[in-house]
Amino acid sequence: QVQLVESGGGLVQAGGSLRLSCAASGNIFSINVMGWYRQAPGKQRELVAFITSDGITNYAASVKGRFTISRDSAKNTVYLQMNSLKPEDAAVYSCNAISYSLDSYWGQGTQVTVSS
């Protein structure tokens, strides 16, 4: 069992920055991959970025060069640093973790609003 708690969402002006945090607890050693998804009204949920237990990262083309995913293993926390935010980035961002046995866990989601 894994629990995920997200924080860091809020309102930011276009061009600004936010850092999202996702703290994992429970069977943390079972986690293989952690990532961030987002979903805006009228749009499909999309994978924003992920990071594997061995440090491999991947980004959606729309955020590459602007967003950075990282982890602090000692704190069991994954971060999403979002720079140069655009109105199109506004969405509910959700943290996801996948275990080595392919169980999937989700956080509650955090709202990111970008004003133009």
PDB file of N, CA and C in Angstrom:
ATOM      1  N   GLN A   1       0.833  -1.190   0.000  1.00  0.00           N
ATOM      2  CA  GLN A   1       0.000   0.000   0.000  1.00  0.00           C
ATOM      3  C   GLN A   1       0.875   1.250   0.000  1.00  0.00           C
ATOM      4  N   VAL A   2       0.549   2.168  -0.878  1.00  0.00           N
ATOM      5  CA  VAL A   2       1.277   3.420  -1.013  1.00  0.00           C
ATOM      6  C   VAL A   2       0.282   4.567  -0.939  1.00  0.00           C
ATOM      7  N   GLN A   3       0.647   5.590  -0.203  1.00  0.00           N
ATOM      8  CA  GLN A   3      -0.144   6.807  -0.130  1.00  0.00           C
ATOM      9  C   GLN A   3       0.664   7.963  -0.706  1.00  0.00           C
ATOM     10  N   LEU A   4      -0.006   8.827  -1.451  1.00  0.00           N
ATOM     11  CA  LEU A   4       0.633   9.963  -2.088  1.00  0.00           C
ATOM     12  C   LEU A   4      -0.064  11.245  -1.657  1.00  0.00           C
ATOM     13  N   VAL A   5       0.714  12.221  -1.246  1.00  0.00           N
ATOM     14  CA  VAL A   5       0.185  13.507  -0.832  1.00  0.00           C
ATOM     15  C   VAL A   5       0.856  14.593  -1.653  1.00  0.00           C
ATOM     16  N   GLU A   6       0.051  15.366  -2.368  1.00  0.00           N
ATOM     17  CA  GLU A   6       0.544  16.403  -3.250  1.00  0.00           C
ATOM     18  C   GLU A   6       0.410  17.773  -2.604  1.00  0.00           C
ATOM     19  N   SER A   7       1.273  18.665  -3.012  1.00  0.00           N
ATOM     20  CA  SER A   7       1.199  20.046  -2.568  1.00  0.00           C
ATOM     21  C   SER A   7       1.889  20.929  -3.596  1.00  0.00           C
ATOM     22  N   GLY A   8       1.652  22.225  -3.494  1.00  0.00           N
ATOM     23  CA  GLY A   8       2.358  23.185  -4.316  1.00  0.00           C
ATOM     24  C   GLY A   8       1.553  23.838  -5.417  1.00  0.00           C
ATOM     25  N   GLY A   9       0.344  23.369  -5.649  1.00  0.00           N
ATOM     26  CA  GLY A   9      -0.476  23.986  -6.667  1.00  0.00           C
ATOM     27  C   GLY A   9      -0.938  25.364  -6.258  1.00  0.00           C
ATOM     28  N   GLY A  10      -1.433  26.105  -7.221  1.00  0.00           N
ATOM     29  CA  GLY A  10      -1.918  27.443  -6.941  1.00  0.00           C
ATOM     30  C   GLY A  10      -2.080  28.248  -8.194  1.00  0.00           C
ATOM     31  N   LEU A  11      -2.176  29.550  -8.005  1.00  0.00           N
ATOM     32  CA  LEU A  11      -2.362  30.500  -9.096  1.00  0.00           C
ATOM     33  C   LEU A  11      -1.052  31.205  -9.384  1.00  0.00           C
ATOM     34  N   VAL A  12      -0.701  31.252 -10.648  1.00  0.00           N
ATOM     35  CA  VAL A  12       0.522  31.923 -11.058  1.00  0.00           C
ATOM     36  C   VAL A  12       0.271  32.639 -12.376  1.00  0.00           C
ATOM     37  N   GLN A  13       0.971  33.727 -12.580  1.00  0.00           N
ATOM     38  CA  GLN A  13       0.868  34.465 -13.822  1.00  0.00           C
ATOM     39  C   GLN A  13       1.665  33.774 -14.916  1.00  0.00           C
ATOM     40  N   ALA A  14       1.215  33.932 -16.147  1.00  0.00           N
ATOM     41  CA  ALA A  14       1.958  33.381 -17.275  1.00  0.00           C
ATOM     42  C   ALA A  14       3.404  33.842 -17.228  1.00  0.00           C
ATOM     43  N   GLY A  15       4.295  32.897 -17.454  1.00  0.00           N
ATOM     44  CA  GLY A  15       5.715  33.175 -17.359  1.00  0.00           C
ATOM     45  C   GLY A  15       6.307  32.877 -16.000  1.00  0.00           C
ATOM     46  N   GLY A  16       5.465  32.635 -15.019  1.00  0.00           N
ATOM     47  CA  GLY A  16       5.925  32.355 -13.677  1.00  0.00           C
ATOM     48  C   GLY A  16       6.253  30.898 -13.462  1.00  0.00           C
ATOM     49  N   SER A  17       6.517  30.567 -12.198  1.00  0.00           N
ATOM     50  CA  SER A  17       6.963  29.226 -11.837  1.00  0.00           C
ATOM     51  C   SER A  17       6.209  28.699 -10.631  1.00  0.00           C
ATOM     52  N   LEU A  18       6.098  27.394 -10.570  1.00  0.00           N
ATOM     53  CA  LEU A  18       5.578  26.679  -9.419  1.00  0.00           C
ATOM     54  C   LEU A  18       6.366  25.398  -9.256  1.00  0.00           C
ATOM     55  N   ARG A  19       6.431  24.904  -8.032  1.00  0.00           N
ATOM     56  CA  ARG A  19       7.007  23.599  -7.780  1.00  0.00           C
ATOM     57  C   ARG A  19       5.996  22.734  -7.056  1.00  0.00           C
ATOM     58  N   LEU A  20       5.641  21.630  -7.673  1.00  0.00           N
ATOM     59  CA  LEU A  20       4.743  20.666  -7.078  1.00  0.00           C
ATOM     60  C   LEU A  20       5.547  19.602  -6.339  1.00  0.00           C
ATOM     61  N   SER A  21       4.991  19.129  -5.236  1.00  0.00           N
ATOM     62  CA  SER A  21       5.626  18.081  -4.449  1.00  0.00           C
ATOM     63  C   SER A  21       4.672  16.909  -4.300  1.00  0.00           C
ATOM     64  N   CYS A  22       5.226  15.722  -4.285  1.00  0.00           N
ATOM     65  CA  CYS A  22       4.457  14.507  -4.062  1.00  0.00           C
ATOM     66  C   CYS A  22       5.225  13.649  -3.073  1.00  0.00           C
ATOM     67  N   ALA A  23       4.695  13.535  -1.873  1.00  0.00           N
ATOM     68  CA  ALA A  23       5.327  12.752  -0.820  1.00  0.00           C
ATOM     69  C   ALA A  23       4.672  11.379  -0.741  1.00  0.00           C
ATOM     70  N   ALA A  24       5.480  10.343  -0.813  1.00  0.00           N
ATOM     71  CA  ALA A  24       4.996   8.972  -0.761  1.00  0.00           C
ATOM     72  C   ALA A  24       5.232   8.376   0.616  1.00  0.00           C
ATOM     73  N   SER A  25       4.298   7.562   1.051  1.00  0.00           N
ATOM     74  CA  SER A  25       4.443   6.843   2.303  1.00  0.00           C
ATOM     75  C   SER A  25       3.848   5.448   2.146  1.00  0.00           C
ATOM     76  N   GLY A  26       4.074   4.612   3.135  1.00  0.00           N
ATOM     77  CA  GLY A  26       3.634   3.238   3.063  1.00  0.00           C
ATOM     78  C   GLY A  26       4.759   2.343   2.584  1.00  0.00           C
ATOM     79  N   ASN A  27       4.457   1.493   1.642  1.00  0.00           N
ATOM     80  CA  ASN A  27       5.456   0.571   1.096  1.00  0.00           C
ATOM     81  C   ASN A  27       6.292   1.270   0.033  1.00  0.00           C
ATOM     82  N   ILE A  28       7.081   2.229   0.483  1.00  0.00           N
ATOM     83  CA  ILE A  28       7.804   3.082  -0.457  1.00  0.00           C
ATOM     84  C   ILE A  28       8.838   2.317  -1.270  1.00  0.00           C
ATOM     85  N   PHE A  29       9.370   1.250  -0.731  1.00  0.00           N
ATOM     86  CA  PHE A  29      10.390   0.499  -1.457  1.00  0.00           C
ATOM     87  C   PHE A  29       9.808  -0.322  -2.591  1.00  0.00           C
ATOM     88  N   SER A  30       8.497  -0.397  -2.654  1.00  0.00           N
ATOM     89  CA  SER A  30       7.856  -1.096  -3.754  1.00  0.00           C
ATOM     90  C   SER A  30       7.703  -0.228  -4.995  1.00  0.00           C
ATOM     91  N   ILE A  31       7.967   1.061  -4.881  1.00  0.00           N
ATOM     92  CA  ILE A  31       7.724   1.993  -5.976  1.00  0.00           C
ATOM     93  C   ILE A  31       8.823   1.900  -7.025  1.00  0.00           C
ATOM     94  N   ASN A  32       8.411   1.742  -8.259  1.00  0.00           N
ATOM     95  CA  ASN A  32       9.335   1.695  -9.379  1.00  0.00           C
ATOM     96  C   ASN A  32       9.384   3.017 -10.136  1.00  0.00           C
ATOM     97  N   VAL A  33       8.209   3.576 -10.418  1.00  0.00           N
ATOM     98  CA  VAL A  33       8.109   4.786 -11.217  1.00  0.00           C
ATOM     99  C   VAL A  33       7.173   5.766 -10.528  1.00  0.00           C
ATOM    100  N   MET A  34       7.525   7.038 -10.556  1.00  0.00           N
ATOM    101  CA  MET A  34       6.622   8.082 -10.116  1.00  0.00           C
ATOM    102  C   MET A  34       6.533   9.142 -11.199  1.00  0.00           C
ATOM    103  N   GLY A  35       5.359   9.704 -11.332  1.00  0.00           N
ATOM    104  CA  GLY A  35       5.174  10.697 -12.368  1.00  0.00           C
ATOM    105  C   GLY A  35       4.042  11.645 -12.066  1.00  0.00           C
ATOM    106  N   TRP A  36       3.903  12.598 -12.955  1.00  0.00           N
ATOM    107  CA  TRP A  36       2.852  13.596 -12.869  1.00  0.00           C
ATOM    108  C   TRP A  36       1.996  13.555 -14.117  1.00  0.00           C
ATOM    109  N   TYR A  37       0.705  13.535 -13.912  1.00  0.00           N
ATOM    110  CA  TYR A  37      -0.278  13.665 -14.975  1.00  0.00           C
ATOM    111  C   TYR A  37      -1.025  14.976 -14.792  1.00  0.00           C
ATOM    112  N   ARG A  38      -1.675  15.416 -15.852  1.00  0.00           N
ATOM    113  CA  ARG A  38      -2.535  16.584 -15.738  1.00  0.00           C
ATOM    114  C   ARG A  38      -3.750  16.420 -16.631  1.00  0.00           C
ATOM    115  N   GLN A  39      -4.824  17.066 -16.224  1.00  0.00           N
ATOM    116  CA  GLN A  39      -6.039  17.064 -17.018  1.00  0.00           C
ATOM    117  C   GLN A  39      -6.722  18.412 -16.890  1.00  0.00           C
ATOM    118  N   ALA A  40      -6.941  19.041 -18.021  1.00  0.00           N
ATOM    119  CA  ALA A  40      -7.661  20.295 -18.090  1.00  0.00           C
ATOM    120  C   ALA A  40      -9.073  20.031 -18.592  1.00  0.00           C
ATOM    121  N   PRO A  41     -10.022  20.909 -18.261  1.00  0.00           N
ATOM    122  CA  PRO A  41     -11.383  20.728 -18.756  1.00  0.00           C
ATOM    123  C   PRO A  41     -11.420  20.613 -20.271  1.00  0.00           C
ATOM    124  N   GLY A  42     -12.125  19.613 -20.753  1.00  0.00           N
ATOM    125  CA  GLY A  42     -12.253  19.409 -22.182  1.00  0.00           C
ATOM    126  C   GLY A  42     -11.069  18.746 -22.846  1.00  0.00           C
ATOM    127  N   LYS A  43     -10.086  18.339 -22.071  1.00  0.00           N
ATOM    128  CA  LYS A  43      -8.906  17.705 -22.623  1.00  0.00           C
ATOM    129  C   LYS A  43      -8.694  16.331 -22.004  1.00  0.00           C
ATOM    130  N   GLN A  44      -7.957  15.498 -22.710  1.00  0.00           N
ATOM    131  CA  GLN A  44      -7.587  14.199 -22.179  1.00  0.00           C
ATOM    132  C   GLN A  44      -6.540  14.348 -21.082  1.00  0.00           C
ATOM    133  N   ARG A  45      -6.539  13.383 -20.159  1.00  0.00           N
ATOM    134  CA  ARG A  45      -5.466  13.335 -19.197  1.00  0.00           C
ATOM    135  C   ARG A  45      -4.178  12.962 -19.909  1.00  0.00           C
ATOM    136  N   GLU A  46      -3.126  13.665 -19.600  1.00  0.00           N
ATOM    137  CA  GLU A  46      -1.865  13.411 -20.258  1.00  0.00           C
ATOM    138  C   GLU A  46      -0.746  13.247 -19.244  1.00  0.00           C
ATOM    139  N   LEU A  47       0.207  12.424 -19.607  1.00  0.00           N
ATOM    140  CA  LEU A  47       1.405  12.263 -18.802  1.00  0.00           C
ATOM    141  C   LEU A  47       2.309  13.460 -19.032  1.00  0.00           C
ATOM    142  N   VAL A  48       2.697  14.106 -17.947  1.00  0.00           N
ATOM    143  CA  VAL A  48       3.562  15.270 -18.022  1.00  0.00           C
ATOM    144  C   VAL A  48       5.025  14.862 -17.942  1.00  0.00           C
ATOM    145  N   ALA A  49       5.347  14.041 -16.954  1.00  0.00           N
ATOM    146  CA  ALA A  49       6.724  13.616 -16.744  1.00  0.00           C
ATOM    147  C   ALA A  49       6.740  12.431 -15.807  1.00  0.00           C
ATOM    148  N   PHE A  50       7.784  11.613 -15.899  1.00  0.00           N
ATOM    149  CA  PHE A  50       7.981  10.556 -14.926  1.00  0.00           C
ATOM    150  C   PHE A  50       9.454  10.368 -14.647  1.00  0.00           C
ATOM    151  N   ILE A  51       9.722   9.725 -13.527  1.00  0.00           N
ATOM    152  CA  ILE A  51      11.080   9.381 -13.153  1.00  0.00           C
ATOM    153  C   ILE A  51      11.070   7.974 -12.581  1.00  0.00           C
ATOM    154  N   THR A  52      12.019   7.155 -13.002  1.00  0.00           N
ATOM    155  CA  THR A  52      12.092   5.775 -12.544  1.00  0.00           C
ATOM    156  C   THR A  52      12.994   5.673 -11.325  1.00  0.00           C
ATOM    157  N   SER A  53      12.970   4.495 -10.711  1.00  0.00           N
ATOM    158  CA  SER A  53      13.781   4.269  -9.525  1.00  0.00           C
ATOM    159  C   SER A  53      15.269   4.372  -9.816  1.00  0.00           C
ATOM    160  N   ASP A  54      15.661   4.149 -11.060  1.00  0.00           N
ATOM    161  CA  ASP A  54      17.069   4.292 -11.423  1.00  0.00           C
ATOM    162  C   ASP A  54      17.375   5.644 -12.069  1.00  0.00           C
ATOM    163  N   GLY A  55      16.443   6.584 -11.971  1.00  0.00           N
ATOM    164  CA  GLY A  55      16.728   7.953 -12.349  1.00  0.00           C
ATOM    165  C   GLY A  55      16.423   8.348 -13.775  1.00  0.00           C
ATOM    166  N   ILE A  56      15.828   7.477 -14.545  1.00  0.00           N
ATOM    167  CA  ILE A  56      15.464   7.817 -15.912  1.00  0.00           C
ATOM    168  C   ILE A  56      14.247   8.734 -15.903  1.00  0.00           C
ATOM    169  N   THR A  57      14.316   9.802 -16.663  1.00  0.00           N
ATOM    170  CA  THR A  57      13.214  10.758 -16.753  1.00  0.00           C
ATOM    171  C   THR A  57      12.687  10.837 -18.167  1.00  0.00           C
ATOM    172  N   ASN A  58      11.438  11.274 -18.263  1.00  0.00           N
ATOM    173  CA  ASN A  58      10.814  11.470 -19.552  1.00  0.00           C
ATOM    174  C   ASN A  58       9.792  12.582 -19.417  1.00  0.00           C
ATOM    175  N   TYR A  59       9.619  13.357 -20.493  1.00  0.00           N
ATOM    176  CA  TYR A  59       8.732  14.509 -20.476  1.00  0.00           C
ATOM    177  C   TYR A  59       7.838  14.535 -21.695  1.00  0.00           C
ATOM    178  N   ALA A  60       6.650  15.068 -21.504  1.00  0.00           N
ATOM    179  CA  ALA A  60       5.811  15.372 -22.643  1.00  0.00           C
ATOM    180  C   ALA A  60       6.471  16.465 -23.469  1.00  0.00           C
ATOM    181  N   ALA A  61       6.296  16.390 -24.775  1.00  0.00           N
ATOM    182  CA  ALA A  61       6.929  17.371 -25.650  1.00  0.00           C
ATOM    183  C   ALA A  61       6.506  18.794 -25.311  1.00  0.00           C
ATOM    184  N   SER A  62       5.290  18.961 -24.850  1.00  0.00           N
ATOM    185  CA  SER A  62       4.769  20.288 -24.574  1.00  0.00           C
ATOM    186  C   SER A  62       5.423  20.964 -23.377  1.00  0.00           C
ATOM    187  N   VAL A  63       6.080  20.194 -22.525  1.00  0.00           N
ATOM    188  CA  VAL A  63       6.691  20.765 -21.327  1.00  0.00           C
ATOM    189  C   VAL A  63       8.205  20.628 -21.312  1.00  0.00           C
ATOM    190  N   LYS A  64       8.748  19.894 -22.238  1.00  0.00           N
ATOM    191  CA  LYS A  64      10.184  19.658 -22.253  1.00  0.00           C
ATOM    192  C   LYS A  64      10.931  20.980 -22.390  1.00  0.00           C
ATOM    193  N   GLY A  65      11.924  21.153 -21.557  1.00  0.00           N
ATOM    194  CA  GLY A  65      12.674  22.394 -21.528  1.00  0.00           C
ATOM    195  C   GLY A  65      12.142  23.405 -20.542  1.00  0.00           C
ATOM    196  N   ARG A  66      10.921  23.222 -20.078  1.00  0.00           N
ATOM    197  CA  ARG A  66      10.315  24.126 -19.107  1.00  0.00           C
ATOM    198  C   ARG A  66      10.104  23.470 -17.748  1.00  0.00           C
ATOM    199  N   PHE A  67       9.774  22.181 -17.753  1.00  0.00           N
ATOM    200  CA  PHE A  67       9.500  21.452 -16.518  1.00  0.00           C
ATOM    201  C   PHE A  67      10.652  20.506 -16.213  1.00  0.00           C
ATOM    202  N   THR A  68      10.874  20.268 -14.936  1.00  0.00           N
ATOM    203  CA  THR A  68      11.893  19.328 -14.497  1.00  0.00           C
ATOM    204  C   THR A  68      11.332  18.461 -13.384  1.00  0.00           C
ATOM    205  N   ILE A  69      11.430  17.155 -13.546  1.00  0.00           N
ATOM    206  CA  ILE A  69      11.031  16.240 -12.495  1.00  0.00           C
ATOM    207  C   ILE A  69      12.279  15.773 -11.759  1.00  0.00           C
ATOM    208  N   SER A  70      12.179  15.683 -10.453  1.00  0.00           N
ATOM    209  CA  SER A  70      13.306  15.263  -9.644  1.00  0.00           C
ATOM    210  C   SER A  70      12.790  14.512  -8.422  1.00  0.00           C
ATOM    211  N   ARG A  71      13.699  13.931  -7.690  1.00  0.00           N
ATOM    212  CA  ARG A  71      13.309  13.186  -6.500  1.00  0.00           C
ATOM    213  C   ARG A  71      14.295  13.405  -5.378  1.00  0.00           C
ATOM    214  N   ASP A  72      13.796  13.295  -4.172  1.00  0.00           N
ATOM    215  CA  ASP A  72      14.602  13.287  -2.970  1.00  0.00           C
ATOM    216  C   ASP A  72      14.296  11.957  -2.291  1.00  0.00           C
ATOM    217  N   SER A  73      15.158  10.988  -2.499  1.00  0.00           N
ATOM    218  CA  SER A  73      14.893   9.645  -2.001  1.00  0.00           C
ATOM    219  C   SER A  73      14.806   9.599  -0.483  1.00  0.00           C
ATOM    220  N   ALA A  74      15.606  10.417   0.190  1.00  0.00           N
ATOM    221  CA  ALA A  74      15.587  10.436   1.645  1.00  0.00           C
ATOM    222  C   ALA A  74      14.241  10.890   2.185  1.00  0.00           C
ATOM    223  N   LYS A  75      13.560  11.742   1.442  1.00  0.00           N
ATOM    224  CA  LYS A  75      12.254  12.244   1.861  1.00  0.00           C
ATOM    225  C   LYS A  75      11.106  11.526   1.172  1.00  0.00           C
ATOM    226  N   ASN A  76      11.419  10.568   0.323  1.00  0.00           N
ATOM    227  CA  ASN A  76      10.405   9.837  -0.440  1.00  0.00           C
ATOM    228  C   ASN A  76       9.484  10.797  -1.189  1.00  0.00           C
ATOM    229  N   THR A  77      10.079  11.795  -1.784  1.00  0.00           N
ATOM    230  CA  THR A  77       9.321  12.865  -2.409  1.00  0.00           C
ATOM    231  C   THR A  77       9.802  13.106  -3.828  1.00  0.00           C
ATOM    232  N   VAL A  78       8.853  13.320  -4.720  1.00  0.00           N
ATOM    233  CA  VAL A  78       9.130  13.683  -6.101  1.00  0.00           C
ATOM    234  C   VAL A  78       8.605  15.090  -6.334  1.00  0.00           C
ATOM    235  N   TYR A  79       9.353  15.853  -7.099  1.00  0.00           N
ATOM    236  CA  TYR A  79       9.008  17.239  -7.377  1.00  0.00           C
ATOM    237  C   TYR A  79       8.802  17.448  -8.865  1.00  0.00           C
ATOM    238  N   LEU A  80       7.991  18.423  -9.176  1.00  0.00           N
ATOM    239  CA  LEU A  80       7.853  18.895 -10.543  1.00  0.00           C
ATOM    240  C   LEU A  80       8.057  20.401 -10.531  1.00  0.00           C
ATOM    241  N   GLN A  81       9.215  20.825 -10.997  1.00  0.00           N
ATOM    242  CA  GLN A  81       9.504  22.243 -11.121  1.00  0.00           C
ATOM    243  C   GLN A  81       8.967  22.723 -12.458  1.00  0.00           C
ATOM    244  N   MET A  82       8.071  23.688 -12.417  1.00  0.00           N
ATOM    245  CA  MET A  82       7.411  24.183 -13.612  1.00  0.00           C
ATOM    246  C   MET A  82       7.810  25.642 -13.815  1.00  0.00           C
ATOM    247  N   ASN A  83       8.519  25.899 -14.885  1.00  0.00           N
ATOM    248  CA  ASN A  83       8.960  27.240 -15.222  1.00  0.00           C
ATOM    249  C   ASN A  83       8.298  27.705 -16.510  1.00  0.00           C
ATOM    250  N   SER A  84       8.332  29.004 -16.725  1.00  0.00           N
ATOM    251  CA  SER A  84       7.769  29.596 -17.939  1.00  0.00           C
ATOM    252  C   SER A  84       6.364  29.089 -18.203  1.00  0.00           C
ATOM    253  N   LEU A  85       5.540  29.138 -17.187  1.00  0.00           N
ATOM    254  CA  LEU A  85       4.201  28.580 -17.291  1.00  0.00           C
ATOM    255  C   LEU A  85       3.354  29.335 -18.296  1.00  0.00           C
ATOM    256  N   LYS A  86       2.542  28.588 -18.996  1.00  0.00           N
ATOM    257  CA  LYS A  86       1.641  29.115 -19.999  1.00  0.00           C
ATOM    258  C   LYS A  86       0.203  28.854 -19.580  1.00  0.00           C
ATOM    259  N   PRO A  87      -0.739  29.644 -20.086  1.00  0.00           N
ATOM    260  CA  PRO A  87      -2.142  29.351 -19.777  1.00  0.00           C
ATOM    261  C   PRO A  87      -2.546  27.927 -20.140  1.00  0.00           C
ATOM    262  N   GLU A  88      -1.941  27.368 -21.164  1.00  0.00           N
ATOM    263  CA  GLU A  88      -2.243  26.005 -21.569  1.00  0.00           C
ATOM    264  C   GLU A  88      -1.810  24.967 -20.535  1.00  0.00           C
ATOM    265  N   ASP A  89      -0.961  25.354 -19.593  1.00  0.00           N
ATOM    266  CA  ASP A  89      -0.519  24.445 -18.541  1.00  0.00           C
ATOM    267  C   ASP A  89      -1.531  24.317 -17.410  1.00  0.00           C
ATOM    268  N   ALA A  90      -2.523  25.166 -17.376  1.00  0.00           N
ATOM    269  CA  ALA A  90      -3.519  25.122 -16.316  1.00  0.00           C
ATOM    270  C   ALA A  90      -4.258  23.795 -16.348  1.00  0.00           C
ATOM    271  N   ALA A  91      -4.317  23.123 -15.220  1.00  0.00           N
ATOM    272  CA  ALA A  91      -4.934  21.807 -15.140  1.00  0.00           C
ATOM    273  C   ALA A  91      -4.890  21.327 -13.698  1.00  0.00           C
ATOM    274  N   VAL A  92      -5.565  20.224 -13.454  1.00  0.00           N
ATOM    275  CA  VAL A  92      -5.376  19.490 -12.221  1.00  0.00           C
ATOM    276  C   VAL A  92      -4.214  18.536 -12.428  1.00  0.00           C
ATOM    277  N   TYR A  93      -3.208  18.671 -11.602  1.00  0.00           N
ATOM    278  CA  TYR A  93      -2.022  17.830 -11.688  1.00  0.00           C
ATOM    279  C   TYR A  93      -2.100  16.750 -10.626  1.00  0.00           C
ATOM    280  N   SER A  94      -1.907  15.505 -11.038  1.00  0.00           N
ATOM    281  CA  SER A  94      -2.014  14.370 -10.140  1.00  0.00           C
ATOM    282  C   SER A  94      -0.724  13.575 -10.131  1.00  0.00           C
ATOM    283  N   CYS A  95      -0.309  13.191  -8.952  1.00  0.00           N
ATOM    284  CA  CYS A  95       0.866  12.355  -8.780  1.00  0.00           C
ATOM    285  C   CYS A  95       0.477  10.897  -8.910  1.00  0.00           C
ATOM    286  N   ASN A  96       1.341  10.121  -9.537  1.00  0.00           N
ATOM    287  CA  ASN A  96       1.104   8.701  -9.747  1.00  0.00           C
ATOM    288  C   ASN A  96       2.355   7.921  -9.399  1.00  0.00           C
ATOM    289  N   ALA A  97       2.156   6.762  -8.789  1.00  0.00           N
ATOM    290  CA  ALA A  97       3.255   5.853  -8.495  1.00  0.00           C
ATOM    291  C   ALA A  97       2.895   4.466  -8.978  1.00  0.00           C
ATOM    292  N   ILE A  98       3.874   3.777  -9.537  1.00  0.00           N
ATOM    293  CA  ILE A  98       3.696   2.411 -10.020  1.00  0.00           C
ATOM    294  C   ILE A  98       4.713   1.530  -9.320  1.00  0.00           C
ATOM    295  N   SER A  99       4.233   0.436  -8.755  1.00  0.00           N
ATOM    296  CA  SER A  99       5.109  -0.474  -8.041  1.00  0.00           C
ATOM    297  C   SER A  99       5.778  -1.443  -9.000  1.00  0.00           C
ATOM    298  N   TYR A 100       6.748  -2.169  -8.479  1.00  0.00           N
ATOM    299  CA  TYR A 100       7.427  -3.182  -9.288  1.00  0.00           C
ATOM    300  C   TYR A 100       6.471  -4.283  -9.732  1.00  0.00           C
ATOM    301  N   SER A 101       5.424  -4.512  -8.967  1.00  0.00           N
ATOM    302  CA  SER A 101       4.407  -5.484  -9.341  1.00  0.00           C
ATOM    303  C   SER A 101       3.287  -4.867 -10.168  1.00  0.00           C
ATOM    304  N   LEU A 102       3.483  -3.622 -10.604  1.00  0.00           N
ATOM    305  CA  LEU A 102       2.593  -2.899 -11.508  1.00  0.00           C
ATOM    306  C   LEU A 102       1.285  -2.459 -10.868  1.00  0.00           C
ATOM    307  N   ASP A 103       1.254  -2.356  -9.558  1.00  0.00           N
ATOM    308  CA  ASP A 103       0.147  -1.674  -8.903  1.00  0.00           C
ATOM    309  C   ASP A 103       0.298  -0.181  -9.108  1.00  0.00           C
ATOM    310  N   SER A 104      -0.814   0.505  -9.239  1.00  0.00           N
ATOM    311  CA  SER A 104      -0.813   1.932  -9.508  1.00  0.00           C
ATOM    312  C   SER A 104      -1.519   2.687  -8.388  1.00  0.00           C
ATOM    313  N   TYR A 105      -0.930   3.797  -7.988  1.00  0.00           N
ATOM    314  CA  TYR A 105      -1.458   4.615  -6.908  1.00  0.00           C
ATOM    315  C   TYR A 105      -1.538   6.065  -7.362  1.00  0.00           C
ATOM    316  N   TRP A 106      -2.544   6.770  -6.851  1.00  0.00           N
ATOM    317  CA  TRP A 106      -2.785   8.151  -7.244  1.00  0.00           C
ATOM    318  C   TRP A 106      -2.942   9.053  -6.037  1.00  0.00           C
ATOM    319  N   GLY A 107      -2.453  10.265  -6.166  1.00  0.00           N
ATOM    320  CA  GLY A 107      -2.754  11.296  -5.202  1.00  0.00           C
ATOM    321  C   GLY A 107      -4.095  11.938  -5.501  1.00  0.00           C
ATOM    322  N   GLN A 108      -4.477  12.898  -4.688  1.00  0.00           N
ATOM    323  CA  GLN A 108      -5.778  13.534  -4.829  1.00  0.00           C
ATOM    324  C   GLN A 108      -5.820  14.581  -5.935  1.00  0.00           C
ATOM    325  N   GLY A 109      -4.685  15.069  -6.350  1.00  0.00           N
ATOM    326  CA  GLY A 109      -4.620  16.094  -7.368  1.00  0.00           C
ATOM    327  C   GLY A 109      -4.499  17.480  -6.770  1.00  0.00           C
ATOM    328  N   THR A 110      -3.833  18.349  -7.485  1.00  0.00           N
ATOM    329  CA  THR A 110      -3.680  19.728  -7.059  1.00  0.00           C
ATOM    330  C   THR A 110      -3.883  20.649  -8.257  1.00  0.00           C
ATOM    331  N   GLN A 111      -4.614  21.721  -8.036  1.00  0.00           N
ATOM    332  CA  GLN A 111      -4.990  22.624  -9.116  1.00  0.00           C
ATOM    333  C   GLN A 111      -3.870  23.606  -9.409  1.00  0.00           C
ATOM    334  N   VAL A 112      -3.543  23.724 -10.675  1.00  0.00           N
ATOM    335  CA  VAL A 112      -2.614  24.743 -11.150  1.00  0.00           C
ATOM    336  C   VAL A 112      -3.384  25.663 -12.089  1.00  0.00           C
ATOM    337  N   THR A 113      -3.405  26.936 -11.758  1.00  0.00           N
ATOM    338  CA  THR A 113      -4.086  27.931 -12.570  1.00  0.00           C
ATOM    339  C   THR A 113      -3.065  28.945 -13.056  1.00  0.00           C
ATOM    340  N   VAL A 114      -3.092  29.225 -14.337  1.00  0.00           N
ATOM    341  CA  VAL A 114      -2.155  30.164 -14.945  1.00  0.00           C
ATOM    342  C   VAL A 114      -2.962  31.280 -15.585  1.00  0.00           C
ATOM    343  N   SER A 115      -2.734  32.482 -15.138  1.00  0.00           N
ATOM    344  CA  SER A 115      -3.448  33.631 -15.667  1.00  0.00           C
ATOM    345  C   SER A 115      -2.621  34.302 -16.753  1.00  0.00           C
ATOM    346  N   SER A 116      -3.306  34.835 -17.744  1.00  0.00           N
ATOM    347  CA  SER A 116      -2.641  35.527 -18.841  1.00  0.00           C
ATOM    348  C   SER A 116      -2.652  37.028 -18.658  1.00  0.00           C
TER     349      SER A 116
END
